[in-house]
Amino acid sequence: MMGNIFIKNIIESTNAIAKKINQGLANIFNRKLSSQAGIILSEIRPLVASALMSSDEIKSLSSGALKIDFGLTSDPSGAIVNAIVDSLDIDIKKATGTAAGIKGGLLITMQPIDYNNLFSLSVAEQITEKGVSLPWLQWLLTFGQQIIVANFGVEYGAGKGRSGGGYMSVGERPFKVSSQHAGTVDDNFITRAIDSIAPQIKSILMKGVQ
């Protein structure tokens, strides 16, 4: 003789089930991010460095027109690129799951908006023979095409001036950063270099969280 069989139904709302699923996915996501953050940074840093070193401005500062324009006596490109790359960081926002979805992720930060990490570099200024400090990197990154020196401009010539490629001349006035290289706080060679590799950065991020 068979005994009585009792079946107890466990009924949960759709929202409760969705919340549990999303909480589980959030936990997996958090563990994945914690283990991948360092790897993601290690892959992005050389990508950023390469994009910056390939930029027209860095090349020109090293051995081109910008070096002459600013009267540079040494190559500042390595110090600038290193400072920018060193500013790269990842801020992990712990994911949380609710019935509505998952919130959280990671934020990649680079280059303080005040550019203090760059403007404080010794290579960010050029000292003239008269002891005057020329904040040329600030001009390049933030002045756009503002006139910097009204009464003089750069006249190019081999063996001339501090850089060996030109000197300040009344006939070439005024002096301002060339339109080809001029930058503002929100649009300069740094932002342009990063924009050029945005798809690759996205690919690295997607691979890191899969």
N, C-alpha and C. Protein backbone atom coordinates (compact mmCIF):
# COMPACT_ATOMS: atom_id res chain seq x y z
N MET A 1 0.85 -1.17 0.00
CA MET A 1 0.00 0.00 0.00
C MET A 1 0.89 1.24 0.00
N MET A 2 0.64 2.06 -0.96
CA MET A 2 1.47 3.26 -1.08
C MET A 2 1.04 4.31 -0.08
N GLY A 3 2.05 4.99 0.48
CA GLY A 3 1.76 6.08 1.41
C GLY A 3 1.36 7.34 0.65
N ASN A 4 0.94 8.29 1.41
CA ASN A 4 0.56 9.55 0.79
C ASN A 4 1.79 10.31 0.29
N ILE A 5 1.71 10.88 -0.88
CA ILE A 5 2.80 11.67 -1.47
C ILE A 5 2.41 13.14 -1.46
N PHE A 6 3.29 13.95 -0.86
CA PHE A 6 3.02 15.39 -0.78
C PHE A 6 4.01 16.14 -1.66
N ILE A 7 3.55 16.99 -2.50
CA ILE A 7 4.40 17.82 -3.37
C ILE A 7 4.25 19.27 -2.94
N LYS A 8 5.40 19.86 -2.57
CA LYS A 8 5.39 21.26 -2.14
C LYS A 8 5.97 22.13 -3.24
N ASN A 9 5.20 23.01 -3.73
CA ASN A 9 5.68 23.90 -4.78
C ASN A 9 6.41 25.09 -4.16
N ILE A 10 7.61 25.37 -4.68
CA ILE A 10 8.35 26.55 -4.25
C ILE A 10 8.22 27.58 -5.36
N ILE A 11 7.51 28.58 -5.05
CA ILE A 11 7.22 29.58 -6.07
C ILE A 11 7.92 30.89 -5.72
N GLU A 12 8.76 31.37 -6.68
CA GLU A 12 9.41 32.67 -6.51
C GLU A 12 8.96 33.58 -7.64
N SER A 13 8.94 34.86 -7.35
CA SER A 13 8.55 35.81 -8.38
C SER A 13 9.64 35.92 -9.44
N THR A 14 9.25 36.39 -10.59
CA THR A 14 10.21 36.59 -11.68
C THR A 14 11.32 37.55 -11.25
N ASN A 15 10.97 38.58 -10.51
CA ASN A 15 11.97 39.55 -10.05
C ASN A 15 12.97 38.92 -9.10
N ALA A 16 12.48 38.04 -8.21
CA ALA A 16 13.38 37.39 -7.26
C ALA A 16 14.36 36.48 -7.97
N ILE A 17 13.87 35.76 -8.98
CA ILE A 17 14.75 34.88 -9.75
C ILE A 17 15.78 35.70 -10.52
N ALA A 18 15.33 36.78 -11.16
CA ALA A 18 16.24 37.64 -11.91
C ALA A 18 17.31 38.23 -11.00
N LYS A 19 16.92 38.61 -9.79
CA LYS A 19 17.87 39.18 -8.85
C LYS A 19 18.95 38.18 -8.48
N LYS A 20 18.55 36.93 -8.21
CA LYS A 20 19.52 35.90 -7.85
C LYS A 20 20.49 35.62 -9.00
N ILE A 21 19.94 35.57 -10.21
CA ILE A 21 20.80 35.32 -11.37
C ILE A 21 21.80 36.46 -11.54
N ASN A 22 21.33 37.68 -11.46
CA ASN A 22 22.21 38.84 -11.64
C ASN A 22 23.23 38.97 -10.52
N GLN A 23 22.85 38.59 -9.30
CA GLN A 23 23.82 38.60 -8.20
C GLN A 23 24.92 37.58 -8.45
N GLY A 24 24.54 36.41 -8.97
CA GLY A 24 25.54 35.40 -9.29
C GLY A 24 26.48 35.86 -10.39
N LEU A 25 25.91 36.48 -11.41
CA LEU A 25 26.74 36.99 -12.51
C LEU A 25 27.66 38.12 -12.03
N ALA A 26 27.15 38.96 -11.13
CA ALA A 26 27.96 40.05 -10.58
C ALA A 26 29.15 39.51 -9.81
N ASN A 27 28.94 38.45 -9.04
CA ASN A 27 30.03 37.83 -8.29
C ASN A 27 31.11 37.29 -9.23
N ILE A 28 30.66 36.64 -10.31
CA ILE A 28 31.61 36.12 -11.29
C ILE A 28 32.39 37.27 -11.93
N PHE A 29 31.67 38.32 -12.27
CA PHE A 29 32.27 39.50 -12.89
C PHE A 29 33.32 40.13 -11.98
N ASN A 30 33.01 40.23 -10.70
CA ASN A 30 33.94 40.83 -9.74
C ASN A 30 35.22 40.01 -9.61
N ARG A 31 35.07 38.69 -9.56
CA ARG A 31 36.25 37.83 -9.47
C ARG A 31 37.10 37.96 -10.73
N LYS A 32 36.44 38.05 -11.86
CA LYS A 32 37.15 38.16 -13.14
C LYS A 32 37.93 39.47 -13.21
N LEU A 33 37.29 40.56 -12.82
CA LEU A 33 37.96 41.86 -12.88
C LEU A 33 39.17 41.92 -11.96
N SER A 34 39.02 41.39 -10.76
CA SER A 34 40.12 41.43 -9.79
C SER A 34 41.35 40.73 -10.33
N SER A 35 41.15 39.64 -11.05
CA SER A 35 42.29 38.88 -11.56
C SER A 35 42.83 39.43 -12.87
N GLN A 36 42.01 40.21 -13.60
CA GLN A 36 42.40 40.67 -14.93
C GLN A 36 42.86 42.12 -14.98
N ALA A 37 42.63 42.89 -13.93
CA ALA A 37 42.95 44.32 -13.97
C ALA A 37 44.41 44.58 -14.31
N GLY A 38 45.30 43.86 -13.64
CA GLY A 38 46.73 44.04 -13.90
C GLY A 38 47.11 43.65 -15.32
N ILE A 39 46.50 42.59 -15.83
CA ILE A 39 46.79 42.13 -17.20
C ILE A 39 46.30 43.16 -18.21
N ILE A 40 45.11 43.70 -17.97
CA ILE A 40 44.56 44.72 -18.87
C ILE A 40 45.49 45.93 -18.93
N LEU A 41 45.96 46.39 -17.78
CA LEU A 41 46.88 47.53 -17.75
C LEU A 41 48.17 47.23 -18.49
N SER A 42 48.69 46.03 -18.29
CA SER A 42 49.97 45.67 -18.92
C SER A 42 49.86 45.61 -20.44
N GLU A 43 48.65 45.39 -20.96
CA GLU A 43 48.45 45.36 -22.41
C GLU A 43 48.15 46.74 -22.98
N ILE A 44 47.52 47.59 -22.18
CA ILE A 44 47.16 48.92 -22.66
C ILE A 44 48.37 49.86 -22.65
N ARG A 45 49.23 49.74 -21.65
CA ARG A 45 50.35 50.67 -21.51
C ARG A 45 51.25 50.72 -22.75
N PRO A 46 51.74 49.59 -23.26
CA PRO A 46 52.59 49.69 -24.45
C PRO A 46 51.84 50.18 -25.68
N LEU A 47 50.54 49.92 -25.74
CA LEU A 47 49.72 50.41 -26.85
C LEU A 47 49.66 51.93 -26.83
N VAL A 48 49.44 52.50 -25.64
CA VAL A 48 49.41 53.95 -25.48
C VAL A 48 50.78 54.56 -25.78
N ALA A 49 51.83 53.94 -25.26
CA ALA A 49 53.18 54.46 -25.49
C ALA A 49 53.51 54.49 -26.98
N SER A 50 53.14 53.43 -27.69
CA SER A 50 53.41 53.36 -29.12
C SER A 50 52.64 54.42 -29.89
N ALA A 51 51.37 54.63 -29.51
CA ALA A 51 50.55 55.64 -30.19
C ALA A 51 51.13 57.04 -29.99
N LEU A 52 51.59 57.33 -28.79
CA LEU A 52 52.16 58.63 -28.49
C LEU A 52 53.49 58.83 -29.23
N MET A 53 54.34 57.81 -29.20
CA MET A 53 55.64 57.93 -29.85
C MET A 53 55.49 58.06 -31.37
N SER A 54 54.37 57.55 -31.90
CA SER A 54 54.13 57.63 -33.34
C SER A 54 53.45 58.94 -33.75
N SER A 55 53.05 59.74 -32.78
CA SER A 55 52.35 60.98 -33.11
C SER A 55 53.29 61.98 -33.77
N ASP A 56 52.74 62.80 -34.63
CA ASP A 56 53.55 63.80 -35.33
C ASP A 56 54.21 64.77 -34.36
N GLU A 57 53.51 65.09 -33.27
CA GLU A 57 54.04 66.07 -32.32
C GLU A 57 55.27 65.54 -31.59
N ILE A 58 55.21 64.30 -31.12
CA ILE A 58 56.36 63.74 -30.41
C ILE A 58 57.55 63.61 -31.35
N LYS A 59 57.30 63.20 -32.58
CA LYS A 59 58.39 63.10 -33.56
C LYS A 59 58.99 64.48 -33.83
N SER A 60 58.12 65.49 -33.92
CA SER A 60 58.59 66.84 -34.21
C SER A 60 59.35 67.44 -33.03
N LEU A 61 58.94 67.10 -31.82
CA LEU A 61 59.66 67.57 -30.64
C LEU A 61 61.04 66.93 -30.55
N SER A 62 61.13 65.71 -31.05
CA SER A 62 62.39 64.99 -30.97
C SER A 62 63.42 65.50 -31.97
N SER A 63 62.95 65.75 -33.21
CA SER A 63 63.93 66.17 -34.23
C SER A 63 63.28 66.89 -35.40
N GLY A 64 62.27 67.70 -35.12
CA GLY A 64 61.57 68.37 -36.20
C GLY A 64 61.30 69.84 -35.93
N ALA A 65 60.26 70.35 -36.57
CA ALA A 65 59.94 71.77 -36.51
C ALA A 65 59.62 72.26 -35.10
N LEU A 66 58.92 71.44 -34.32
CA LEU A 66 58.56 71.88 -32.96
C LEU A 66 59.81 72.05 -32.09
N LYS A 67 60.79 71.21 -32.29
CA LYS A 67 62.04 71.37 -31.53
C LYS A 67 62.67 72.73 -31.84
N ILE A 68 62.61 73.12 -33.10
CA ILE A 68 63.16 74.41 -33.50
C ILE A 68 62.28 75.55 -32.99
N ASP A 69 60.97 75.40 -33.16
CA ASP A 69 60.04 76.45 -32.75
C ASP A 69 60.20 76.82 -31.28
N PHE A 70 60.38 75.80 -30.44
CA PHE A 70 60.48 76.04 -29.00
C PHE A 70 61.93 76.21 -28.54
N GLY A 71 62.87 76.11 -29.45
CA GLY A 71 64.28 76.28 -29.10
C GLY A 71 64.79 75.22 -28.14
N LEU A 72 64.34 73.99 -28.31
CA LEU A 72 64.71 72.93 -27.38
C LEU A 72 66.15 72.48 -27.61
N THR A 73 66.85 72.27 -26.51
CA THR A 73 68.25 71.84 -26.59
C THR A 73 68.43 70.37 -26.27
N SER A 74 67.33 69.68 -25.94
CA SER A 74 67.38 68.24 -25.69
C SER A 74 66.06 67.62 -26.12
N ASP A 75 66.02 66.32 -26.20
CA ASP A 75 64.83 65.60 -26.65
C ASP A 75 63.93 65.27 -25.45
N PRO A 76 62.74 65.87 -25.37
CA PRO A 76 61.87 65.66 -24.21
C PRO A 76 60.87 64.53 -24.39
N SER A 77 60.87 63.88 -25.55
CA SER A 77 59.79 62.96 -25.91
C SER A 77 59.67 61.78 -24.95
N GLY A 78 60.79 61.16 -24.58
CA GLY A 78 60.75 60.00 -23.70
C GLY A 78 60.14 60.31 -22.34
N ALA A 79 60.55 61.44 -21.75
CA ALA A 79 60.05 61.82 -20.43
C ALA A 79 58.55 62.12 -20.48
N ILE A 80 58.11 62.74 -21.56
CA ILE A 80 56.68 63.07 -21.69
C ILE A 80 55.85 61.81 -21.83
N VAL A 81 56.25 60.93 -22.72
CA VAL A 81 55.50 59.68 -22.94
C VAL A 81 55.47 58.84 -21.67
N ASN A 82 56.60 58.72 -21.00
CA ASN A 82 56.66 57.94 -19.76
C ASN A 82 55.72 58.49 -18.69
N ALA A 83 55.66 59.81 -18.58
CA ALA A 83 54.79 60.42 -17.57
C ALA A 83 53.31 60.16 -17.88
N ILE A 84 52.96 60.20 -19.16
CA ILE A 84 51.57 59.93 -19.54
C ILE A 84 51.22 58.48 -19.28
N VAL A 85 52.08 57.57 -19.69
CA VAL A 85 51.83 56.14 -19.50
C VAL A 85 51.77 55.80 -18.01
N ASP A 86 52.63 56.42 -17.22
CA ASP A 86 52.63 56.16 -15.77
C ASP A 86 51.34 56.61 -15.09
N SER A 87 50.61 57.53 -15.73
CA SER A 87 49.37 58.02 -15.14
C SER A 87 48.20 57.05 -15.36
N LEU A 88 48.39 56.05 -16.21
CA LEU A 88 47.34 55.08 -16.48
C LEU A 88 46.98 54.29 -15.22
N ASP A 89 45.70 54.11 -14.98
CA ASP A 89 45.26 53.33 -13.82
C ASP A 89 43.87 52.76 -14.10
N ILE A 90 43.51 51.73 -13.36
CA ILE A 90 42.19 51.12 -13.47
C ILE A 90 41.49 51.20 -12.13
N ASP A 91 40.30 51.74 -12.15
CA ASP A 91 39.48 51.83 -10.94
C ASP A 91 38.32 50.85 -11.09
N ILE A 92 38.31 49.82 -10.26
CA ILE A 92 37.27 48.79 -10.34
C ILE A 92 36.07 49.20 -9.51
N LYS A 93 34.93 49.27 -10.16
CA LYS A 93 33.68 49.54 -9.48
C LYS A 93 32.99 48.19 -9.22
N LYS A 94 32.92 47.78 -7.97
CA LYS A 94 32.36 46.48 -7.65
C LYS A 94 30.95 46.35 -8.20
N ALA A 95 30.72 45.25 -8.93
CA ALA A 95 29.42 45.02 -9.54
C ALA A 95 28.41 44.52 -8.52
N THR A 96 27.19 44.96 -8.65
CA THR A 96 26.09 44.49 -7.81
C THR A 96 24.94 44.08 -8.73
N GLY A 97 24.21 43.02 -8.31
CA GLY A 97 23.11 42.52 -9.10
C GLY A 97 21.77 42.81 -8.46
N THR A 98 20.85 43.29 -9.24
CA THR A 98 19.48 43.52 -8.80
C THR A 98 18.55 42.90 -9.83
N ALA A 99 17.27 42.96 -9.55
CA ALA A 99 16.29 42.42 -10.51
C ALA A 99 16.34 43.17 -11.83
N ALA A 100 16.76 44.43 -11.76
CA ALA A 100 16.78 45.26 -12.96
C ALA A 100 18.02 45.02 -13.82
N GLY A 101 19.08 44.46 -13.25
CA GLY A 101 20.29 44.23 -14.02
C GLY A 101 21.54 44.26 -13.15
N ILE A 102 22.67 44.48 -13.79
CA ILE A 102 23.96 44.50 -13.11
C ILE A 102 24.58 45.87 -13.28
N LYS A 103 25.04 46.44 -12.17
CA LYS A 103 25.72 47.72 -12.20
C LYS A 103 27.14 47.54 -11.68
N GLY A 104 28.08 48.20 -12.35
CA GLY A 104 29.47 48.09 -11.94
C GLY A 104 30.36 47.97 -13.16
N GLY A 105 31.62 47.80 -12.92
CA GLY A 105 32.56 47.65 -14.03
C GLY A 105 33.91 48.23 -13.69
N LEU A 106 34.58 48.76 -14.69
CA LEU A 106 35.90 49.34 -14.45
C LEU A 106 36.03 50.65 -15.20
N LEU A 107 36.84 51.50 -14.65
CA LEU A 107 37.08 52.81 -15.24
C LEU A 107 38.58 52.97 -15.46
N ILE A 108 38.97 53.20 -16.69
CA ILE A 108 40.38 53.45 -17.00
C ILE A 108 40.62 54.95 -16.94
N THR A 109 41.57 55.36 -16.15
CA THR A 109 41.90 56.78 -16.04
C THR A 109 43.32 57.01 -16.56
N MET A 110 43.51 58.17 -17.14
CA MET A 110 44.83 58.52 -17.66
C MET A 110 44.93 60.02 -17.79
N GLN A 111 46.00 60.57 -17.41
CA GLN A 111 46.33 61.97 -17.62
C GLN A 111 45.39 62.94 -16.89
N PRO A 112 45.82 63.43 -15.71
CA PRO A 112 45.03 64.42 -14.98
C PRO A 112 44.67 65.60 -15.87
N ILE A 113 43.47 66.10 -15.72
CA ILE A 113 42.97 67.16 -16.58
C ILE A 113 43.76 68.46 -16.43
N ASP A 114 44.44 68.63 -15.27
CA ASP A 114 45.24 69.85 -15.09
C ASP A 114 46.65 69.71 -15.69
N TYR A 115 46.98 68.51 -16.18
CA TYR A 115 48.27 68.24 -16.83
C TYR A 115 49.47 68.52 -15.91
N ASN A 116 49.23 68.53 -14.61
CA ASN A 116 50.31 68.87 -13.68
C ASN A 116 51.45 67.86 -13.74
N ASN A 117 51.13 66.59 -14.02
CA ASN A 117 52.19 65.58 -14.10
C ASN A 117 53.15 65.87 -15.25
N LEU A 118 52.67 66.60 -16.26
CA LEU A 118 53.52 66.96 -17.40
C LEU A 118 54.17 68.32 -17.22
N PHE A 119 53.38 69.28 -16.78
CA PHE A 119 53.91 70.64 -16.65
C PHE A 119 54.97 70.74 -15.55
N SER A 120 54.97 69.78 -14.62
CA SER A 120 55.97 69.79 -13.55
C SER A 120 57.28 69.11 -13.96
N LEU A 121 57.30 68.50 -15.14
CA LEU A 121 58.54 67.88 -15.62
C LEU A 121 59.59 68.94 -15.93
N SER A 122 60.84 68.59 -15.69
CA SER A 122 61.91 69.55 -15.99
C SER A 122 62.00 69.84 -17.48
N VAL A 123 61.61 68.87 -18.30
CA VAL A 123 61.70 69.06 -19.76
C VAL A 123 60.54 69.90 -20.30
N ALA A 124 59.56 70.23 -19.46
CA ALA A 124 58.38 70.96 -19.92
C ALA A 124 58.64 72.44 -20.13
N GLU A 125 59.81 72.89 -19.76
CA GLU A 125 60.16 74.29 -19.98
C GLU A 125 61.57 74.37 -20.55
N GLN A 126 61.83 75.44 -21.24
CA GLN A 126 63.16 75.69 -21.79
C GLN A 126 63.67 77.01 -21.22
N ILE A 127 64.86 76.97 -20.67
CA ILE A 127 65.47 78.19 -20.09
C ILE A 127 66.33 78.86 -21.16
N THR A 128 66.08 80.14 -21.38
CA THR A 128 66.84 80.89 -22.38
C THR A 128 68.20 81.30 -21.83
N GLU A 129 69.02 81.85 -22.71
CA GLU A 129 70.34 82.33 -22.30
C GLU A 129 70.23 83.43 -21.24
N LYS A 130 69.10 84.14 -21.25
CA LYS A 130 68.90 85.21 -20.28
C LYS A 130 68.21 84.72 -19.01
N GLY A 131 68.03 83.41 -18.89
CA GLY A 131 67.44 82.85 -17.69
C GLY A 131 65.92 82.89 -17.64
N VAL A 132 65.29 83.17 -18.77
CA VAL A 132 63.82 83.22 -18.83
C VAL A 132 63.27 81.82 -19.08
N SER A 133 62.24 81.44 -18.33
CA SER A 133 61.62 80.13 -18.48
C SER A 133 60.50 80.19 -19.51
N LEU A 134 60.58 79.33 -20.50
CA LEU A 134 59.55 79.25 -21.54
C LEU A 134 58.74 77.96 -21.34
N PRO A 135 57.48 78.05 -20.89
CA PRO A 135 56.67 76.86 -20.63
C PRO A 135 56.09 76.29 -21.93
N TRP A 136 56.95 75.80 -22.78
CA TRP A 136 56.56 75.42 -24.13
C TRP A 136 55.55 74.27 -24.18
N LEU A 137 55.62 73.33 -23.23
CA LEU A 137 54.69 72.20 -23.27
C LEU A 137 53.26 72.67 -22.96
N GLN A 138 53.15 73.63 -22.08
CA GLN A 138 51.84 74.22 -21.80
C GLN A 138 51.30 74.92 -23.05
N TRP A 139 52.17 75.61 -23.76
CA TRP A 139 51.74 76.25 -25.00
C TRP A 139 51.22 75.20 -25.98
N LEU A 140 51.96 74.12 -26.13
CA LEU A 140 51.62 73.09 -27.11
C LEU A 140 50.29 72.40 -26.78
N LEU A 141 50.07 72.13 -25.50
CA LEU A 141 48.90 71.34 -25.10
C LEU A 141 47.64 72.16 -24.87
N THR A 142 47.78 73.44 -24.55
CA THR A 142 46.59 74.17 -24.10
C THR A 142 46.34 75.52 -24.77
N PHE A 143 47.32 76.08 -25.45
CA PHE A 143 47.17 77.45 -25.98
C PHE A 143 46.49 77.53 -27.33
N GLY A 144 46.29 76.39 -27.99
CA GLY A 144 45.71 76.44 -29.32
C GLY A 144 46.57 77.29 -30.23
N GLN A 145 45.95 78.23 -30.94
CA GLN A 145 46.71 79.12 -31.81
C GLN A 145 46.73 80.56 -31.31
N GLN A 146 46.71 80.68 -29.99
CA GLN A 146 46.87 82.01 -29.40
C GLN A 146 48.25 82.56 -29.76
N ILE A 147 48.32 83.85 -29.97
CA ILE A 147 49.62 84.48 -30.19
C ILE A 147 50.39 84.49 -28.88
N ILE A 148 51.60 83.95 -28.90
CA ILE A 148 52.42 83.84 -27.69
C ILE A 148 53.44 84.99 -27.62
N VAL A 149 54.06 85.26 -28.75
CA VAL A 149 55.00 86.39 -28.84
C VAL A 149 54.59 87.24 -30.03
N ALA A 150 54.17 88.46 -29.75
CA ALA A 150 53.61 89.30 -30.82
C ALA A 150 54.69 89.87 -31.75
N ASN A 151 55.86 90.19 -31.22
CA ASN A 151 56.85 90.94 -31.99
C ASN A 151 57.91 90.09 -32.68
N PHE A 152 57.88 88.77 -32.44
CA PHE A 152 58.89 87.91 -33.05
C PHE A 152 58.25 86.60 -33.51
N GLY A 153 58.88 85.97 -34.49
CA GLY A 153 58.50 84.65 -34.95
C GLY A 153 59.76 83.85 -35.23
N VAL A 154 59.59 82.62 -35.69
CA VAL A 154 60.75 81.75 -35.92
C VAL A 154 61.17 81.81 -37.39
N GLU A 155 62.44 82.12 -37.59
CA GLU A 155 63.03 82.05 -38.93
C GLU A 155 63.96 80.84 -38.94
N TYR A 156 63.69 79.92 -39.84
CA TYR A 156 64.46 78.68 -39.88
C TYR A 156 65.77 78.85 -40.63
N GLY A 157 66.79 78.13 -40.14
CA GLY A 157 68.09 78.17 -40.78
C GLY A 157 69.06 77.25 -40.06
N ALA A 158 69.76 76.43 -40.82
CA ALA A 158 70.70 75.47 -40.22
C ALA A 158 71.76 76.19 -39.41
N GLY A 159 72.02 75.64 -38.22
CA GLY A 159 73.05 76.18 -37.35
C GLY A 159 72.64 77.43 -36.60
N LYS A 160 71.35 77.78 -36.66
CA LYS A 160 70.87 78.99 -36.00
C LYS A 160 70.19 78.68 -34.67
N GLY A 161 70.32 79.58 -33.72
CA GLY A 161 69.58 79.51 -32.46
C GLY A 161 69.99 78.36 -31.54
N ARG A 162 69.25 78.24 -30.41
CA ARG A 162 69.56 77.21 -29.41
C ARG A 162 69.43 75.81 -29.97
N SER A 163 68.42 75.61 -30.80
CA SER A 163 68.16 74.27 -31.32
C SER A 163 69.04 73.91 -32.50
N GLY A 164 69.70 74.92 -33.07
CA GLY A 164 70.53 74.68 -34.25
C GLY A 164 69.75 74.66 -35.54
N GLY A 165 68.45 75.07 -35.46
CA GLY A 165 67.64 75.03 -36.67
C GLY A 165 66.88 76.30 -36.96
N GLY A 166 66.99 77.31 -36.09
CA GLY A 166 66.25 78.53 -36.32
C GLY A 166 66.42 79.52 -35.19
N TYR A 167 65.91 80.73 -35.40
CA TYR A 167 66.05 81.77 -34.37
C TYR A 167 64.85 82.71 -34.45
N MET A 168 64.67 83.52 -33.42
CA MET A 168 63.55 84.47 -33.39
C MET A 168 63.87 85.69 -34.25
N SER A 169 62.89 86.00 -35.10
CA SER A 169 63.10 87.10 -36.04
C SER A 169 61.86 87.99 -36.08
N VAL A 170 62.11 89.30 -36.15
CA VAL A 170 61.00 90.26 -36.26
C VAL A 170 60.22 90.02 -37.55
N GLY A 171 60.92 89.63 -38.59
CA GLY A 171 60.29 89.46 -39.89
C GLY A 171 59.29 88.32 -39.95
N GLU A 172 59.36 87.38 -39.01
CA GLU A 172 58.47 86.22 -39.02
C GLU A 172 57.37 86.31 -37.97
N ARG A 173 57.21 87.47 -37.36
CA ARG A 173 56.21 87.62 -36.31
C ARG A 173 54.78 87.42 -36.83
N PRO A 174 53.84 87.07 -35.93
CA PRO A 174 54.02 86.74 -34.51
C PRO A 174 54.36 85.25 -34.34
N PHE A 175 54.64 84.87 -33.10
CA PHE A 175 54.94 83.47 -32.82
C PHE A 175 53.74 82.82 -32.13
N LYS A 176 53.33 81.69 -32.67
CA LYS A 176 52.29 80.86 -32.06
C LYS A 176 52.53 79.43 -32.52
N VAL A 177 51.92 78.48 -31.82
CA VAL A 177 52.07 77.08 -32.20
C VAL A 177 51.41 76.87 -33.56
N SER A 178 52.06 76.14 -34.43
CA SER A 178 51.53 75.91 -35.77
C SER A 178 50.17 75.22 -35.72
N SER A 179 49.33 75.51 -36.69
CA SER A 179 48.00 74.92 -36.72
C SER A 179 48.05 73.40 -36.81
N GLN A 180 49.11 72.87 -37.39
CA GLN A 180 49.26 71.42 -37.54
C GLN A 180 49.39 70.72 -36.20
N HIS A 181 50.00 71.42 -35.22
CA HIS A 181 50.30 70.77 -33.94
C HIS A 181 49.57 71.39 -32.76
N ALA A 182 48.94 72.53 -32.93
CA ALA A 182 48.32 73.25 -31.81
C ALA A 182 47.28 72.39 -31.10
N GLY A 183 47.23 72.55 -29.76
CA GLY A 183 46.28 71.78 -28.97
C GLY A 183 45.61 72.64 -27.91
N THR A 184 44.46 72.17 -27.48
CA THR A 184 43.75 72.78 -26.35
C THR A 184 43.60 71.73 -25.27
N VAL A 185 43.07 72.12 -24.13
CA VAL A 185 42.93 71.19 -23.01
C VAL A 185 42.18 69.92 -23.43
N ASP A 186 41.18 70.08 -24.26
CA ASP A 186 40.33 68.95 -24.65
C ASP A 186 40.69 68.33 -25.99
N ASP A 187 41.61 68.93 -26.72
CA ASP A 187 41.96 68.44 -28.05
C ASP A 187 43.42 68.74 -28.33
N ASN A 188 44.27 67.76 -28.06
CA ASN A 188 45.70 67.95 -28.28
C ASN A 188 46.31 66.62 -28.72
N PHE A 189 47.62 66.57 -28.86
CA PHE A 189 48.22 65.35 -29.41
C PHE A 189 47.99 64.13 -28.52
N ILE A 190 47.79 64.34 -27.23
CA ILE A 190 47.51 63.21 -26.33
C ILE A 190 46.13 62.65 -26.62
N THR A 191 45.12 63.50 -26.63
CA THR A 191 43.76 63.02 -26.88
C THR A 191 43.64 62.42 -28.28
N ARG A 192 44.34 63.01 -29.25
CA ARG A 192 44.27 62.48 -30.61
C ARG A 192 44.93 61.11 -30.71
N ALA A 193 46.03 60.92 -30.00
CA ALA A 193 46.70 59.61 -30.01
C ALA A 193 45.82 58.54 -29.39
N ILE A 194 45.15 58.87 -28.29
CA ILE A 194 44.28 57.90 -27.63
C ILE A 194 43.06 57.59 -28.49
N ASP A 195 42.50 58.60 -29.13
CA ASP A 195 41.36 58.37 -30.03
C ASP A 195 41.73 57.39 -31.14
N SER A 196 42.97 57.46 -31.60
CA SER A 196 43.39 56.60 -32.71
C SER A 196 43.47 55.13 -32.33
N ILE A 197 43.59 54.83 -31.04
CA ILE A 197 43.70 53.43 -30.61
C ILE A 197 42.49 53.00 -29.77
N ALA A 198 41.43 53.78 -29.80
CA ALA A 198 40.24 53.44 -29.02
C ALA A 198 39.70 52.04 -29.34
N PRO A 199 39.64 51.62 -30.62
CA PRO A 199 39.15 50.26 -30.91
C PRO A 199 40.01 49.17 -30.28
N GLN A 200 41.34 49.35 -30.30
CA GLN A 200 42.23 48.35 -29.71
C GLN A 200 42.05 48.28 -28.19
N ILE A 201 41.89 49.45 -27.57
CA ILE A 201 41.66 49.47 -26.12
C ILE A 201 40.35 48.76 -25.78
N LYS A 202 39.32 49.02 -26.57
CA LYS A 202 38.03 48.36 -26.35
C LYS A 202 38.17 46.86 -26.48
N SER A 203 38.95 46.41 -27.46
CA SER A 203 39.15 44.98 -27.67
C SER A 203 39.84 44.33 -26.46
N ILE A 204 40.84 45.02 -25.92
CA ILE A 204 41.55 44.52 -24.74
C ILE A 204 40.60 44.40 -23.55
N LEU A 205 39.76 45.40 -23.37
CA LEU A 205 38.80 45.40 -22.26
C LEU A 205 37.79 44.27 -22.42
N MET A 206 37.28 44.10 -23.62
CA MET A 206 36.29 43.04 -23.85
C MET A 206 36.89 41.66 -23.59
N LYS A 207 38.12 41.47 -24.04
CA LYS A 207 38.79 40.19 -23.82
C LYS A 207 39.04 39.96 -22.34
N GLY A 208 39.34 41.03 -21.61
CA GLY A 208 39.66 40.89 -20.20
C GLY A 208 38.47 40.53 -19.32
N VAL A 209 37.27 40.87 -19.75
CA VAL A 209 36.10 40.59 -18.91
C VAL A 209 35.29 39.41 -19.40
N GLN A 210 35.74 38.78 -20.49
CA GLN A 210 35.00 37.62 -20.99
C GLN A 210 35.21 36.40 -20.10
